[in-house]
Amino acid sequence: MKIIDVNQYHPSVAQVQHIIKALVDGKIVILPTDTYYCACCIPSNKDAVKLLIKLQDAIDKIRPLTFLCKDISQASELMHVDTMNYRILNAVVPASITFILPAHQTTLKKLKMKSRSVVGVRIPHHQLLNQILDACDSPLIIQSIEHLEDDMDVIRNISPFVEYWLKLQHGCMNKPSTIIDMLQNQPKLIRSGQDIKKIAPFIELYN
């Protein structure tokens, strides 16, 4: 694993292009996000997704993988967004909120993902990450790695699977996202985290 030190607000074009090429080539890259550092890959690359799952095993993080999307339009290709859900998403994103919604099976099959009934999606608010998402023109599938900078054991365990770690000079946020279950046509709070105040009025309205 090679570490690339980067300024979040003034990354060099060469650094960003280097990371985008690695993702397009099917590599696993650790990116800073609006929550934690995340191991990421492009989901249409089946070998990369398998490698990401092996990384999960290496750090004992067996949990559903989440998608990062650049906007609601891209997210709606992965999950069913009805009128009510669209209004909520449109009011709160971008945000550090993970939404759980019914999966769009047709798109997931195109991405060579295993069939699943639900999907977690986040539309982040992070300048550098959004720049990469725009350039990739694809959602990213991610595994969060909490407090990565402080855990040498985890760094050693993930190194064989990761091509690059895009490391912020001033550190990552290291705070969890809020998780909202929207499977029952009403937002249900699963975990309170960042940006809870943005979604709280809708939780109160529909419950």
Protein backbone atom coordinates (compact mmCIF):
# COMPACT_ATOMS: atom_id res chain seq x y z
CA MET A 1 0.00 0.00 0.00
CA LYS A 2 1.40 3.37 -1.07
CA ILE A 3 0.48 6.48 0.90
CA ILE A 4 -0.26 9.70 -0.99
CA ASP A 5 -0.39 12.78 1.26
CA VAL A 6 -2.92 15.27 -0.01
CA ASN A 7 -4.40 18.64 0.91
CA GLN A 8 -8.18 18.21 1.01
CA TYR A 9 -8.89 21.67 -0.37
CA HIS A 10 -5.99 21.97 -2.82
CA PRO A 11 -5.18 18.50 -4.18
CA SER A 12 -2.93 18.37 -7.20
CA VAL A 13 -4.51 17.35 -10.48
CA ALA A 14 -1.89 14.62 -10.83
CA GLN A 15 -2.81 13.10 -7.45
CA VAL A 16 -6.52 12.99 -8.25
CA GLN A 17 -5.94 11.56 -11.73
CA HIS A 18 -3.64 8.92 -10.25
CA ILE A 19 -6.37 7.76 -7.85
CA ILE A 20 -9.06 7.78 -10.55
CA LYS A 21 -6.89 5.65 -12.84
CA ALA A 22 -6.30 3.15 -10.02
CA LEU A 23 -10.05 2.87 -9.38
CA VAL A 24 -10.84 2.46 -13.08
CA ASP A 25 -8.12 -0.21 -13.29
CA GLY A 26 -9.89 -2.23 -10.59
CA LYS A 27 -7.72 -1.35 -7.60
CA ILE A 28 -8.78 -0.82 -3.98
CA VAL A 29 -8.09 2.72 -2.80
CA ILE A 30 -8.55 4.23 0.66
CA LEU A 31 -10.21 7.62 0.38
CA PRO A 32 -11.08 10.27 2.96
CA THR A 33 -14.82 10.81 3.28
CA ASP A 34 -17.17 12.97 5.32
CA THR A 35 -17.16 10.23 7.99
CA TYR A 36 -14.17 7.87 8.15
CA TYR A 37 -11.51 6.74 5.76
CA CYS A 38 -13.08 4.16 3.45
CA ALA A 39 -11.70 1.38 1.30
CA CYS A 40 -13.33 1.93 -2.10
CA CYS A 41 -13.67 0.36 -5.51
CA ILE A 42 -15.81 0.69 -8.62
CA PRO A 43 -18.62 -1.89 -8.27
CA SER A 44 -18.67 -2.94 -11.92
CA ASN A 45 -15.25 -4.55 -11.41
CA LYS A 46 -16.06 -7.97 -9.98
CA ASP A 47 -12.47 -8.77 -8.97
CA ALA A 48 -12.19 -5.48 -7.09
CA VAL A 49 -15.40 -6.20 -5.16
CA LYS A 50 -14.09 -9.66 -4.22
CA LEU A 51 -10.89 -8.04 -2.99
CA LEU A 52 -12.89 -5.57 -0.91
CA ILE A 53 -14.76 -8.46 0.72
CA LYS A 54 -11.42 -10.11 1.54
CA LEU A 55 -10.35 -6.84 3.14
CA GLN A 56 -13.50 -6.99 5.28
CA ASP A 57 -12.48 -10.45 6.47
CA ALA A 58 -9.00 -9.19 7.32
CA ILE A 59 -10.36 -6.55 9.70
CA ASP A 60 -13.41 -8.51 10.94
CA LYS A 61 -15.86 -6.02 9.44
CA ILE A 62 -18.47 -8.30 7.90
CA ARG A 63 -21.29 -5.89 7.19
CA PRO A 64 -23.31 -4.75 4.19
CA LEU A 65 -21.28 -2.64 1.82
CA THR A 66 -22.47 0.90 1.16
CA PHE A 67 -22.50 2.90 -2.07
CA LEU A 68 -21.24 6.47 -2.38
CA CYS A 69 -23.04 8.43 -5.11
CA LYS A 70 -22.41 11.87 -6.54
CA ASP A 71 -26.09 12.88 -6.60
CA ILE A 72 -29.70 11.70 -6.27
CA SER A 73 -29.89 10.80 -9.95
CA GLN A 74 -27.02 8.34 -9.63
CA ALA A 75 -28.41 7.00 -6.35
CA SER A 76 -31.81 6.38 -7.94
CA GLU A 77 -30.15 3.98 -10.37
CA LEU A 78 -29.23 1.79 -7.40
CA MET A 79 -32.37 2.06 -5.29
CA HIS A 80 -36.08 2.70 -5.70
CA VAL A 81 -36.84 6.30 -4.77
CA ASP A 82 -40.55 7.14 -4.57
CA THR A 83 -41.96 10.66 -4.39
CA MET A 84 -41.81 10.94 -0.60
CA ASN A 85 -38.27 9.59 -0.40
CA TYR A 86 -37.16 11.91 -3.18
CA ARG A 87 -38.50 14.92 -1.28
CA ILE A 88 -36.57 13.88 1.81
CA LEU A 89 -33.36 13.20 -0.09
CA ASN A 90 -33.66 16.44 -2.03
CA ALA A 91 -34.04 18.38 1.21
CA VAL A 92 -31.08 16.91 3.10
CA VAL A 93 -28.35 15.74 0.72
CA PRO A 94 -25.46 16.08 0.35
CA ALA A 95 -25.02 14.92 3.93
CA SER A 96 -23.29 12.39 6.15
CA ILE A 97 -26.43 10.24 6.14
CA THR A 98 -26.71 6.66 4.90
CA PHE A 99 -30.14 5.82 3.49
CA ILE A 100 -31.38 2.23 3.33
CA LEU A 101 -33.85 1.68 0.50
CA PRO A 102 -35.08 -1.15 -1.76
CA ALA A 103 -32.42 -2.12 -4.29
CA HIS A 104 -32.84 -1.62 -8.01
CA GLN A 105 -32.11 -5.17 -9.17
CA THR A 106 -31.57 -4.35 -12.85
CA THR A 107 -28.77 -1.91 -12.12
CA LEU A 108 -27.12 -4.18 -9.56
CA LYS A 109 -27.04 -6.99 -12.11
CA LYS A 110 -25.36 -4.66 -14.59
CA LEU A 111 -22.80 -3.87 -11.89
CA LYS A 112 -22.25 -7.64 -11.48
CA MET A 113 -23.31 -7.45 -7.85
CA LYS A 114 -25.05 -10.30 -6.09
CA SER A 115 -28.80 -9.90 -5.88
CA ARG A 116 -29.85 -8.04 -2.76
CA SER A 117 -33.17 -6.66 -1.62
CA VAL A 118 -31.88 -3.48 0.02
CA VAL A 119 -28.98 -1.11 -0.50
CA GLY A 120 -27.31 1.57 1.60
CA VAL A 121 -26.46 4.79 -0.21
CA ARG A 122 -24.73 7.98 0.88
CA ILE A 123 -24.39 11.22 -1.08
CA PRO A 124 -21.44 12.84 0.68
CA HIS A 125 -20.49 16.44 1.26
CA HIS A 126 -16.72 16.34 0.81
CA GLN A 127 -14.90 18.43 -1.77
CA LEU A 128 -12.12 15.99 -2.66
CA LEU A 129 -14.34 12.90 -2.61
CA ASN A 130 -16.99 14.60 -4.75
CA GLN A 131 -14.31 15.54 -7.27
CA ILE A 132 -13.32 11.87 -7.55
CA LEU A 133 -16.94 10.70 -7.81
CA ASP A 134 -17.59 13.18 -10.61
CA ALA A 135 -14.52 12.07 -12.54
CA CYS A 136 -15.21 8.34 -12.13
CA ASP A 137 -18.80 8.77 -13.35
CA SER A 138 -19.67 5.72 -11.27
CA PRO A 139 -20.80 5.09 -7.72
CA LEU A 140 -18.16 3.69 -5.40
CA ILE A 141 -18.72 0.75 -3.12
CA ILE A 142 -17.07 1.26 0.26
CA GLN A 143 -16.04 -0.24 3.56
CA SER A 144 -15.56 2.25 6.38
CA ILE A 145 -12.43 1.86 8.50
CA GLU A 146 -12.82 3.68 11.80
CA HIS A 147 -9.84 5.60 13.22
CA LEU A 148 -7.47 4.12 10.65
CA GLU A 149 -4.60 6.46 11.42
CA ASP A 150 -4.49 5.26 15.04
CA ASP A 151 -4.56 1.49 14.45
CA MET A 152 -1.30 0.02 13.18
CA ASP A 153 -2.70 -3.53 13.30
CA VAL A 154 -5.49 -2.62 10.89
CA ILE A 155 -3.05 -0.79 8.62
CA ARG A 156 -0.87 -3.92 8.44
CA ASN A 157 -3.88 -6.17 7.81
CA ILE A 158 -5.32 -4.14 4.95
CA SER A 159 -2.05 -3.26 3.21
CA PRO A 160 -1.98 -6.40 0.98
CA PHE A 161 -5.37 -5.49 -0.49
CA VAL A 162 -4.95 -1.75 -1.01
CA GLU A 163 -3.10 0.00 -3.83
CA TYR A 164 -3.18 3.57 -2.46
CA TRP A 165 -4.16 5.41 0.68
CA LEU A 166 -5.07 9.03 -0.09
CA LYS A 167 -4.16 10.48 3.30
CA LEU A 168 -5.26 13.95 4.36
CA GLN A 169 -2.54 16.15 5.79
CA HIS A 170 -4.85 17.29 8.60
CA GLY A 171 -6.59 13.97 9.27
CA CYS A 172 -10.03 12.58 8.52
CA MET A 173 -13.33 13.44 10.22
CA ASN A 174 -13.58 10.11 12.13
CA LYS A 175 -17.25 10.50 13.02
CA PRO A 176 -20.06 8.09 12.00
CA SER A 177 -22.85 8.85 9.58
CA THR A 178 -26.49 8.86 10.59
CA ILE A 179 -28.28 5.75 9.27
CA ILE A 180 -31.91 6.03 8.15
CA ASP A 181 -34.09 3.04 7.21
CA MET A 182 -36.60 4.13 4.55
CA LEU A 183 -37.94 0.70 3.61
CA GLN A 184 -41.39 1.24 5.15
CA ASN A 185 -42.19 4.55 3.43
CA GLN A 186 -41.20 6.48 6.52
CA PRO A 187 -37.74 7.41 7.81
CA LYS A 188 -36.68 5.28 10.78
CA LEU A 189 -33.56 6.18 12.75
CA ILE A 190 -31.11 3.28 12.99
CA ARG A 191 -28.07 5.21 14.19
CA SER A 192 -27.67 8.82 15.24
CA GLY A 193 -24.54 10.43 13.85
CA GLN A 194 -23.46 13.39 11.77
CA ASP A 195 -26.16 15.57 10.23
CA ILE A 196 -28.89 14.10 12.45
CA LYS A 197 -30.35 17.61 12.74
CA LYS A 198 -30.93 17.73 8.97
CA ILE A 199 -33.09 14.59 8.97
CA ALA A 200 -34.70 14.93 12.43
CA PRO A 201 -37.69 17.04 11.24
CA PHE A 202 -38.65 14.35 8.72
CA ILE A 203 -38.37 11.60 11.34
CA GLU A 204 -40.75 13.57 13.55
CA LEU A 205 -43.11 14.37 10.66
CA TYR A 206 -43.58 10.80 9.45
CA ASN A 207 -43.54 8.97 12.80
